Amino acid sequence: MERVMARPTKYKASMCDIVIELMREGASQDEVIGHLDISRDTFYAWKKENEEFSDSIKRGARLSQTWWERQGRVSLKDREFNYTGWYMNMKNRFKWADKQEVKNEGITTVIVKSKIPHYPGEQDEPGYDGS
């Protein structure tokens, strides 16, 4: 029986520091993946297998969002600031959404009377008055 040897992992604990450093400057997970020169599959496997790496990614995500929020806050009076691009980035990366209020106060039944039959032959049924 032939033994298959797995390729040794490129993961090193020092990569957690790299993750934090990059994401502290607003980097995305995809940018981190590119910088580490790994595939998405490897990235997600490392997150699953290495608690320290997973915690670094979670912390990095918060730091990245903080960096981007700060950019928006300190640039509000800057005429050159691309607010629309910044806002779209926040909506796409951090799941920001325009506030929507929906009130459901029970069941509402709407009865529409129409001279237009709802289905063929309805006007020929007993009780149909067409008004």
Protein backbone atom coordinates (compact mmCIF):
# COMPACT_ATOMS: atom_id res chain seq x y z
CA MET A 1 0.00 0.00 0.00
CA GLU A 2 1.42 3.34 -1.04
CA ARG A 3 1.54 6.04 1.62
CA VAL A 4 0.45 9.49 0.57
CA MET A 5 2.29 12.23 2.37
CA ALA A 6 0.55 15.54 2.88
CA ARG A 7 2.40 18.64 1.91
CA PRO A 8 3.77 20.42 5.00
CA THR A 9 1.79 23.49 6.00
CA LYS A 10 3.13 26.96 5.32
CA TYR A 11 1.32 28.20 8.42
CA LYS A 12 3.42 29.93 11.06
CA ALA A 13 2.15 31.60 14.21
CA SER A 14 3.95 34.79 13.14
CA MET A 15 1.36 35.13 10.36
CA CYS A 16 -1.13 36.24 13.00
CA ASP A 17 0.94 39.41 13.48
CA ILE A 18 0.92 40.00 9.72
CA VAL A 19 -2.87 39.61 9.65
CA ILE A 20 -3.30 42.16 12.44
CA GLU A 21 -0.83 44.59 10.86
CA LEU A 22 -2.54 44.49 7.46
CA MET A 23 -6.09 44.64 8.75
CA ARG A 24 -5.26 47.45 11.18
CA GLU A 25 -4.65 49.49 8.00
CA GLY A 26 -8.06 48.54 6.53
CA ALA A 27 -7.05 45.44 4.57
CA SER A 28 -9.72 42.90 3.63
CA GLN A 29 -9.47 39.15 4.09
CA ASP A 30 -8.81 38.83 0.35
CA GLU A 31 -5.91 41.26 0.64
CA VAL A 32 -4.51 39.19 3.52
CA ILE A 33 -4.88 36.01 1.44
CA GLY A 34 -2.99 37.66 -1.41
CA HIS A 35 -0.27 38.99 0.87
CA LEU A 36 0.25 35.56 2.46
CA ASP A 37 0.24 34.03 -1.04
CA ILE A 38 -2.24 31.30 -0.10
CA SER A 39 -5.52 30.07 -1.54
CA ARG A 40 -8.91 30.81 -0.01
CA ASP A 41 -9.23 27.10 0.81
CA THR A 42 -5.96 27.23 2.76
CA PHE A 43 -7.05 30.43 4.52
CA TYR A 44 -10.33 28.86 5.69
CA ALA A 45 -8.58 25.62 6.67
CA TRP A 46 -6.10 27.59 8.80
CA LYS A 47 -8.97 29.46 10.44
CA LYS A 48 -10.61 26.14 11.27
CA GLU A 49 -7.44 24.37 12.44
CA ASN A 50 -5.65 27.20 14.29
CA GLU A 51 -7.53 29.02 17.02
CA GLU A 52 -4.87 31.72 17.21
CA PHE A 53 -5.19 32.42 13.47
CA SER A 54 -8.98 32.43 13.69
CA ASP A 55 -8.89 34.90 16.60
CA SER A 56 -6.46 37.11 14.64
CA ILE A 57 -8.85 37.21 11.69
CA LYS A 58 -11.79 38.13 13.95
CA ARG A 59 -9.78 40.84 15.67
CA GLY A 60 -8.44 42.01 12.31
CA ALA A 61 -11.96 42.32 10.90
CA ARG A 62 -12.89 44.66 13.77
CA LEU A 63 -9.68 46.66 13.28
CA SER A 64 -10.29 46.92 9.55
CA GLN A 65 -13.82 48.22 10.04
CA THR A 66 -12.54 50.68 12.64
CA TRP A 67 -9.94 51.97 10.16
CA TRP A 68 -12.57 52.46 7.46
CA GLU A 69 -15.02 54.15 9.83
CA ARG A 70 -12.28 56.53 10.94
CA GLN A 71 -11.48 57.37 7.31
CA GLY A 72 -15.09 58.40 6.80
CA ARG A 73 -15.29 60.36 10.04
CA VAL A 74 -12.10 62.39 9.60
CA SER A 75 -12.71 63.03 5.88
CA LEU A 76 -16.24 64.43 6.06
CA LYS A 77 -15.09 68.02 5.41
CA ASP A 78 -12.54 67.07 2.74
CA ARG A 79 -13.95 68.07 -0.67
CA GLU A 80 -11.70 65.50 -2.39
CA PHE A 81 -13.07 62.64 -0.30
CA ASN A 82 -15.08 60.14 -2.35
CA TYR A 83 -17.97 59.68 0.05
CA THR A 84 -20.00 57.54 -2.36
CA GLY A 85 -17.15 55.10 -2.88
CA TRP A 86 -16.49 54.98 0.86
CA TYR A 87 -20.17 54.40 1.62
CA MET A 88 -20.49 51.62 -0.98
CA ASN A 89 -17.38 49.99 0.49
CA MET A 90 -18.95 50.08 3.96
CA LYS A 91 -22.22 48.60 2.66
CA ASN A 92 -20.48 45.81 0.76
CA ARG A 93 -17.69 44.89 3.18
CA PHE A 94 -19.32 45.52 6.52
CA LYS A 95 -22.98 44.87 5.68
CA TRP A 96 -24.08 48.41 6.34
CA ALA A 97 -27.64 49.01 5.17
CA ASP A 98 -30.03 51.89 4.89
CA LYS A 99 -32.38 51.76 7.85
CA GLN A 100 -35.73 50.26 7.00
CA GLU A 101 -38.57 50.11 9.48
CA VAL A 102 -41.24 47.52 8.92
CA LYS A 103 -44.23 47.39 11.21
CA ASN A 104 -46.41 44.32 11.15
CA GLU A 105 -49.48 45.02 13.21
CA GLY A 106 -51.45 41.90 12.40
CA ILE A 107 -53.28 40.49 9.43
CA THR A 108 -54.92 42.80 6.94
CA THR A 109 -57.44 41.47 4.48
CA VAL A 110 -58.07 43.50 1.36
CA ILE A 111 -61.18 42.79 -0.70
CA VAL A 112 -61.14 44.26 -4.17
CA LYS A 113 -64.38 44.46 -6.08
CA SER A 114 -63.92 44.68 -9.80
CA LYS A 115 -65.98 44.23 -12.91
CA ILE A 116 -63.06 42.36 -14.37
CA PRO A 117 -63.48 38.61 -13.78
CA HIS A 118 -60.67 37.05 -11.75
CA TYR A 119 -60.87 33.86 -13.79
CA PRO A 120 -62.71 32.81 -16.94
CA GLY A 121 -66.36 32.10 -16.30
CA GLU A 122 -66.50 33.86 -12.91
CA GLN A 123 -69.12 36.27 -14.21
CA ASP A 124 -71.39 33.30 -14.97
CA GLU A 125 -71.33 31.95 -11.41
CA PRO A 126 -74.24 32.42 -9.01
CA GLY A 127 -73.70 35.40 -6.73
CA TYR A 128 -71.48 37.31 -9.13
CA ASP A 129 -72.91 40.81 -9.45
CA GLY A 130 -70.04 42.52 -11.25
CA SER A 131 -70.18 45.64 -9.09
